[in-house]
Amino acid sequence: MTTTLLDSFKLYYEYLPSDELVFAAIRRYRAEQRKKQKAEADAIVAWIAGSPATWKHFVAKLRRVKR
């Protein structure tokens, strides 16, 4: 029995049931990385928003717009 090009393509790209554990581990790792990145971004935003210089700049912009 000869394998066609389509058969070899399917065999090469087909997911096996044993691959599911690997995919689950990858999903967990990516979720952890996203959580870390989001926490870092939130910390930076909190630091910027808590800076008195930022608020001075913001109020100055509002005063300029108000005129």
PDB file of N, CA and C in Angstrom:
ATOM      1  N   MET A   1       0.853  -1.173   0.000  1.00  0.00           N
ATOM      2  CA  MET A   1       0.000   0.000   0.000  1.00  0.00           C
ATOM      3  C   MET A   1       0.905   1.244   0.000  1.00  0.00           C
ATOM      4  N   THR A   2       0.654   2.129  -0.908  1.00  0.00           N
ATOM      5  CA  THR A   2       1.450   3.346  -0.996  1.00  0.00           C
ATOM      6  C   THR A   2       0.709   4.483  -0.307  1.00  0.00           C
ATOM      7  N   THR A   3       1.473   5.377   0.253  1.00  0.00           N
ATOM      8  CA  THR A   3       0.851   6.529   0.899  1.00  0.00           C
ATOM      9  C   THR A   3       0.841   7.699  -0.084  1.00  0.00           C
ATOM     10  N   THR A   4      -0.280   8.345  -0.108  1.00  0.00           N
ATOM     11  CA  THR A   4      -0.402   9.504  -0.990  1.00  0.00           C
ATOM     12  C   THR A   4       0.155  10.727  -0.269  1.00  0.00           C
ATOM     13  N   LEU A   5       0.266  11.790  -1.004  1.00  0.00           N
ATOM     14  CA  LEU A   5       0.751  13.033  -0.428  1.00  0.00           C
ATOM     15  C   LEU A   5      -0.190  13.515   0.678  1.00  0.00           C
ATOM     16  N   LEU A   6      -1.502  13.341   0.478  1.00  0.00           N
ATOM     17  CA  LEU A   6      -2.471  13.744   1.482  1.00  0.00           C
ATOM     18  C   LEU A   6      -2.316  12.911   2.754  1.00  0.00           C
ATOM     19  N   ASP A   7      -2.093  11.607   2.600  1.00  0.00           N
ATOM     20  CA  ASP A   7      -1.898  10.742   3.764  1.00  0.00           C
ATOM     21  C   ASP A   7      -0.658  11.144   4.549  1.00  0.00           C
ATOM     22  N   SER A   8       0.422  11.421   3.857  1.00  0.00           N
ATOM     23  CA  SER A   8       1.639  11.802   4.562  1.00  0.00           C
ATOM     24  C   SER A   8       1.458  13.154   5.256  1.00  0.00           C
ATOM     25  N   PHE A   9       0.705  14.055   4.638  1.00  0.00           N
ATOM     26  CA  PHE A   9       0.418  15.347   5.259  1.00  0.00           C
ATOM     27  C   PHE A   9      -0.377  15.140   6.543  1.00  0.00           C
ATOM     28  N   LYS A  10      -1.414  14.318   6.470  1.00  0.00           N
ATOM     29  CA  LYS A  10      -2.245  14.057   7.652  1.00  0.00           C
ATOM     30  C   LYS A  10      -1.430  13.408   8.762  1.00  0.00           C
ATOM     31  N   LEU A  11      -0.580  12.454   8.423  1.00  0.00           N
ATOM     32  CA  LEU A  11       0.236  11.789   9.430  1.00  0.00           C
ATOM     33  C   LEU A  11       1.216  12.758  10.082  1.00  0.00           C
ATOM     34  N   TYR A  12       1.747  13.684   9.302  1.00  0.00           N
ATOM     35  CA  TYR A  12       2.730  14.617   9.833  1.00  0.00           C
ATOM     36  C   TYR A  12       2.084  15.648  10.759  1.00  0.00           C
ATOM     37  N   TYR A  13       0.871  16.124  10.400  1.00  0.00           N
ATOM     38  CA  TYR A  13       0.237  17.201  11.150  1.00  0.00           C
ATOM     39  C   TYR A  13      -0.858  16.754  12.104  1.00  0.00           C
ATOM     40  N   GLU A  14      -1.144  15.469  12.157  1.00  0.00           N
ATOM     41  CA  GLU A  14      -2.209  14.980  13.020  1.00  0.00           C
ATOM     42  C   GLU A  14      -1.774  15.028  14.483  1.00  0.00           C
ATOM     43  N   TYR A  15      -2.686  15.481  15.333  1.00  0.00           N
ATOM     44  CA  TYR A  15      -2.409  15.464  16.763  1.00  0.00           C
ATOM     45  C   TYR A  15      -2.729  14.089  17.316  1.00  0.00           C
ATOM     46  N   LEU A  16      -1.866  13.606  18.150  1.00  0.00           N
ATOM     47  CA  LEU A  16      -2.085  12.318  18.785  1.00  0.00           C
ATOM     48  C   LEU A  16      -2.655  12.539  20.177  1.00  0.00           C
ATOM     49  N   PRO A  17      -3.365  11.535  20.709  1.00  0.00           N
ATOM     50  CA  PRO A  17      -3.894  11.695  22.075  1.00  0.00           C
ATOM     51  C   PRO A  17      -2.781  11.955  23.099  1.00  0.00           C
ATOM     52  N   SER A  18      -1.603  11.429  22.863  1.00  0.00           N
ATOM     53  CA  SER A  18      -0.504  11.644  23.804  1.00  0.00           C
ATOM     54  C   SER A  18      -0.010  13.092  23.781  1.00  0.00           C
ATOM     55  N   ASP A  19      -0.316  13.831  22.721  1.00  0.00           N
ATOM     56  CA  ASP A  19       0.085  15.230  22.628  1.00  0.00           C
ATOM     57  C   ASP A  19      -0.730  16.135  23.546  1.00  0.00           C
ATOM     58  N   GLU A  20      -1.865  15.651  24.009  1.00  0.00           N
ATOM     59  CA  GLU A  20      -2.758  16.505  24.797  1.00  0.00           C
ATOM     60  C   GLU A  20      -2.100  16.966  26.102  1.00  0.00           C
ATOM     61  N   LEU A  21      -1.300  16.116  26.732  1.00  0.00           N
ATOM     62  CA  LEU A  21      -0.608  16.526  27.959  1.00  0.00           C
ATOM     63  C   LEU A  21       0.372  17.656  27.681  1.00  0.00           C
ATOM     64  N   VAL A  22       1.054  17.574  26.552  1.00  0.00           N
ATOM     65  CA  VAL A  22       1.996  18.622  26.175  1.00  0.00           C
ATOM     66  C   VAL A  22       1.256  19.933  25.927  1.00  0.00           C
ATOM     67  N   PHE A  23       0.144  19.865  25.211  1.00  0.00           N
ATOM     68  CA  PHE A  23      -0.632  21.065  24.932  1.00  0.00           C
ATOM     69  C   PHE A  23      -1.188  21.676  26.210  1.00  0.00           C
ATOM     70  N   ALA A  24      -1.610  20.843  27.152  1.00  0.00           N
ATOM     71  CA  ALA A  24      -2.116  21.351  28.429  1.00  0.00           C
ATOM     72  C   ALA A  24      -1.007  22.062  29.192  1.00  0.00           C
ATOM     73  N   ALA A  25       0.188  21.502  29.178  1.00  0.00           N
ATOM     74  CA  ALA A  25       1.320  22.144  29.855  1.00  0.00           C
ATOM     75  C   ALA A  25       1.654  23.477  29.198  1.00  0.00           C
ATOM     76  N   ILE A  26       1.604  23.522  27.883  1.00  0.00           N
ATOM     77  CA  ILE A  26       1.876  24.778  27.162  1.00  0.00           C
ATOM     78  C   ILE A  26       0.826  25.825  27.510  1.00  0.00           C
ATOM     79  N   ARG A  27      -0.442  25.427  27.557  1.00  0.00           N
ATOM     80  CA  ARG A  27      -1.508  26.373  27.907  1.00  0.00           C
ATOM     81  C   ARG A  27      -1.326  26.913  29.322  1.00  0.00           C
ATOM     82  N   ARG A  28      -0.942  26.030  30.271  1.00  0.00           N
ATOM     83  CA  ARG A  28      -0.702  26.473  31.641  1.00  0.00           C
ATOM     84  C   ARG A  28       0.458  27.463  31.696  1.00  0.00           C
ATOM     85  N   TYR A  29       1.540  27.159  30.996  1.00  0.00           N
ATOM     86  CA  TYR A  29       2.714  28.037  30.981  1.00  0.00           C
ATOM     87  C   TYR A  29       2.356  29.408  30.399  1.00  0.00           C
ATOM     88  N   ARG A  30       1.635  29.406  29.291  1.00  0.00           N
ATOM     89  CA  ARG A  30       1.248  30.676  28.670  1.00  0.00           C
ATOM     90  C   ARG A  30       0.314  31.477  29.569  1.00  0.00           C
ATOM     91  N   ALA A  31      -0.594  30.809  30.266  1.00  0.00           N
ATOM     92  CA  ALA A  31      -1.501  31.496  31.187  1.00  0.00           C
ATOM     93  C   ALA A  31      -0.708  32.130  32.330  1.00  0.00           C
ATOM     94  N   GLU A  32       0.289  31.415  32.853  1.00  0.00           N
ATOM     95  CA  GLU A  32       1.128  31.964  33.921  1.00  0.00           C
ATOM     96  C   GLU A  32       1.904  33.181  33.414  1.00  0.00           C
ATOM     97  N   GLN A  33       2.426  33.091  32.200  1.00  0.00           N
ATOM     98  CA  GLN A  33       3.176  34.213  31.641  1.00  0.00           C
ATOM     99  C   GLN A  33       2.287  35.429  31.437  1.00  0.00           C
ATOM    100  N   ARG A  34       1.067  35.204  30.935  1.00  0.00           N
ATOM    101  CA  ARG A  34       0.124  36.317  30.759  1.00  0.00           C
ATOM    102  C   ARG A  34      -0.214  36.953  32.105  1.00  0.00           C
ATOM    103  N   LYS A  35      -0.402  36.115  33.130  1.00  0.00           N
ATOM    104  CA  LYS A  35      -0.719  36.625  34.455  1.00  0.00           C
ATOM    105  C   LYS A  35       0.433  37.480  34.993  1.00  0.00           C
ATOM    106  N   LYS A  36       1.678  37.028  34.808  1.00  0.00           N
ATOM    107  CA  LYS A  36       2.847  37.798  35.253  1.00  0.00           C
ATOM    108  C   LYS A  36       2.951  39.117  34.500  1.00  0.00           C
ATOM    109  N   GLN A  37       2.758  39.082  33.186  1.00  0.00           N
ATOM    110  CA  GLN A  37       2.839  40.301  32.382  1.00  0.00           C
ATOM    111  C   GLN A  37       1.758  41.300  32.786  1.00  0.00           C
ATOM    112  N   LYS A  38       0.551  40.797  33.057  1.00  0.00           N
ATOM    113  CA  LYS A  38      -0.540  41.672  33.463  1.00  0.00           C
ATOM    114  C   LYS A  38      -0.238  42.294  34.815  1.00  0.00           C
ATOM    115  N   ALA A  39       0.321  41.517  35.740  1.00  0.00           N
ATOM    116  CA  ALA A  39       0.677  42.053  37.056  1.00  0.00           C
ATOM    117  C   ALA A  39       1.759  43.126  36.925  1.00  0.00           C
ATOM    118  N   GLU A  40       2.754  42.890  36.076  1.00  0.00           N
ATOM    119  CA  GLU A  40       3.810  43.887  35.860  1.00  0.00           C
ATOM    120  C   GLU A  40       3.228  45.169  35.262  1.00  0.00           C
ATOM    121  N   ALA A  41       2.349  45.026  34.285  1.00  0.00           N
ATOM    122  CA  ALA A  41       1.729  46.195  33.654  1.00  0.00           C
ATOM    123  C   ALA A  41       0.881  46.962  34.664  1.00  0.00           C
ATOM    124  N   ASP A  42       0.129  46.242  35.498  1.00  0.00           N
ATOM    125  CA  ASP A  42      -0.689  46.903  36.519  1.00  0.00           C
ATOM    126  C   ASP A  42       0.183  47.649  37.528  1.00  0.00           C
ATOM    127  N   ALA A  43       1.335  47.068  37.876  1.00  0.00           N
ATOM    128  CA  ALA A  43       2.250  47.727  38.811  1.00  0.00           C
ATOM    129  C   ALA A  43       2.807  49.010  38.205  1.00  0.00           C
ATOM    130  N   ILE A  44       3.139  48.969  36.932  1.00  0.00           N
ATOM    131  CA  ILE A  44       3.661  50.165  36.263  1.00  0.00           C
ATOM    132  C   ILE A  44       2.597  51.247  36.187  1.00  0.00           C
ATOM    133  N   VAL A  45       1.379  50.863  35.836  1.00  0.00           N
ATOM    134  CA  VAL A  45       0.281  51.837  35.748  1.00  0.00           C
ATOM    135  C   VAL A  45      -0.001  52.436  37.125  1.00  0.00           C
ATOM    136  N   ALA A  46       0.014  51.610  38.161  1.00  0.00           N
ATOM    137  CA  ALA A  46      -0.222  52.112  39.517  1.00  0.00           C
ATOM    138  C   ALA A  46       0.888  53.070  39.935  1.00  0.00           C
ATOM    139  N   TRP A  47       2.111  52.756  39.563  1.00  0.00           N
ATOM    140  CA  TRP A  47       3.236  53.631  39.906  1.00  0.00           C
ATOM    141  C   TRP A  47       3.118  54.975  39.187  1.00  0.00           C
ATOM    142  N   ILE A  48       2.762  54.928  37.905  1.00  0.00           N
ATOM    143  CA  ILE A  48       2.620  56.170  37.134  1.00  0.00           C
ATOM    144  C   ILE A  48       1.443  56.989  37.657  1.00  0.00           C
ATOM    145  N   ALA A  49       0.321  56.330  37.922  1.00  0.00           N
ATOM    146  CA  ALA A  49      -0.863  57.043  38.392  1.00  0.00           C
ATOM    147  C   ALA A  49      -0.655  57.603  39.790  1.00  0.00           C
ATOM    148  N   GLY A  50       0.214  56.988  40.573  1.00  0.00           N
ATOM    149  CA  GLY A  50       0.460  57.457  41.933  1.00  0.00           C
ATOM    150  C   GLY A  50       1.516  58.542  42.003  1.00  0.00           C
ATOM    151  N   SER A  51       2.140  58.857  40.904  1.00  0.00           N
ATOM    152  CA  SER A  51       3.209  59.854  40.889  1.00  0.00           C
ATOM    153  C   SER A  51       2.614  61.265  40.929  1.00  0.00           C
ATOM    154  N   PRO A  52       3.089  62.107  41.845  1.00  0.00           N
ATOM    155  CA  PRO A  52       2.590  63.490  41.892  1.00  0.00           C
ATOM    156  C   PRO A  52       2.880  64.258  40.597  1.00  0.00           C
ATOM    157  N   ALA A  53       3.982  63.966  39.958  1.00  0.00           N
ATOM    158  CA  ALA A  53       4.323  64.657  38.710  1.00  0.00           C
ATOM    159  C   ALA A  53       3.281  64.373  37.632  1.00  0.00           C
ATOM    160  N   THR A  54       2.795  63.142  37.581  1.00  0.00           N
ATOM    161  CA  THR A  54       1.772  62.786  36.597  1.00  0.00           C
ATOM    162  C   THR A  54       0.505  63.597  36.827  1.00  0.00           C
ATOM    163  N   TRP A  55       0.103  63.729  38.095  1.00  0.00           N
ATOM    164  CA  TRP A  55      -1.121  64.476  38.392  1.00  0.00           C
ATOM    165  C   TRP A  55      -0.940  65.961  38.113  1.00  0.00           C
ATOM    166  N   LYS A  56       0.259  66.504  38.402  1.00  0.00           N
ATOM    167  CA  LYS A  56       0.520  67.907  38.078  1.00  0.00           C
ATOM    168  C   LYS A  56       0.393  68.127  36.577  1.00  0.00           C
ATOM    169  N   HIS A  57       0.970  67.218  35.813  1.00  0.00           N
ATOM    170  CA  HIS A  57       0.909  67.319  34.354  1.00  0.00           C
ATOM    171  C   HIS A  57      -0.543  67.226  33.871  1.00  0.00           C
ATOM    172  N   PHE A  58      -1.300  66.292  34.449  1.00  0.00           N
ATOM    173  CA  PHE A  58      -2.699  66.093  34.080  1.00  0.00           C
ATOM    174  C   PHE A  58      -3.524  67.343  34.375  1.00  0.00           C
ATOM    175  N   VAL A  59      -3.349  67.925  35.561  1.00  0.00           N
ATOM    176  CA  VAL A  59      -4.097  69.117  35.946  1.00  0.00           C
ATOM    177  C   VAL A  59      -3.703  70.291  35.052  1.00  0.00           C
ATOM    178  N   ALA A  60      -2.409  70.392  34.725  1.00  0.00           N
ATOM    179  CA  ALA A  60      -1.955  71.466  33.830  1.00  0.00           C
ATOM    180  C   ALA A  60      -2.604  71.332  32.458  1.00  0.00           C
ATOM    181  N   LYS A  61      -2.713  70.116  31.959  1.00  0.00           N
ATOM    182  CA  LYS A  61      -3.385  69.889  30.666  1.00  0.00           C
ATOM    183  C   LYS A  61      -4.846  70.305  30.741  1.00  0.00           C
ATOM    184  N   LEU A  62      -5.518  69.956  31.853  1.00  0.00           N
ATOM    185  CA  LEU A  62      -6.912  70.323  31.999  1.00  0.00           C
ATOM    186  C   LEU A  62      -7.076  71.844  32.032  1.00  0.00           C
ATOM    187  N   ARG A  63      -6.173  72.510  32.704  1.00  0.00           N
ATOM    188  CA  ARG A  63      -6.250  73.975  32.763  1.00  0.00           C
ATOM    189  C   ARG A  63      -6.068  74.589  31.381  1.00  0.00           C
ATOM    190  N   ARG A  64      -5.176  74.014  30.602  1.00  0.00           N
ATOM    191  CA  ARG A  64      -4.963  74.516  29.244  1.00  0.00           C
ATOM    192  C   ARG A  64      -6.206  74.324  28.382  1.00  0.00           C
ATOM    193  N   VAL A  65      -6.859  73.189  28.528  1.00  0.00           N
ATOM    194  CA  VAL A  65      -8.052  72.885  27.738  1.00  0.00           C
ATOM    195  C   VAL A  65      -9.203  73.815  28.160  1.00  0.00           C
ATOM    196  N   LYS A  66      -9.272  74.121  29.453  1.00  0.00           N
ATOM    197  CA  LYS A  66     -10.365  74.909  29.990  1.00  0.00           C
ATOM    198  C   LYS A  66     -10.362  76.344  29.444  1.00  0.00           C
ATOM    199  N   ARG A  67      -9.178  76.886  29.177  1.00  0.00           N
ATOM    200  CA  ARG A  67      -9.079  78.279  28.712  1.00  0.00           C
ATOM    201  C   ARG A  67      -9.680  78.518  27.371  1.00  0.00           C
TER     202      ARG A  67
END
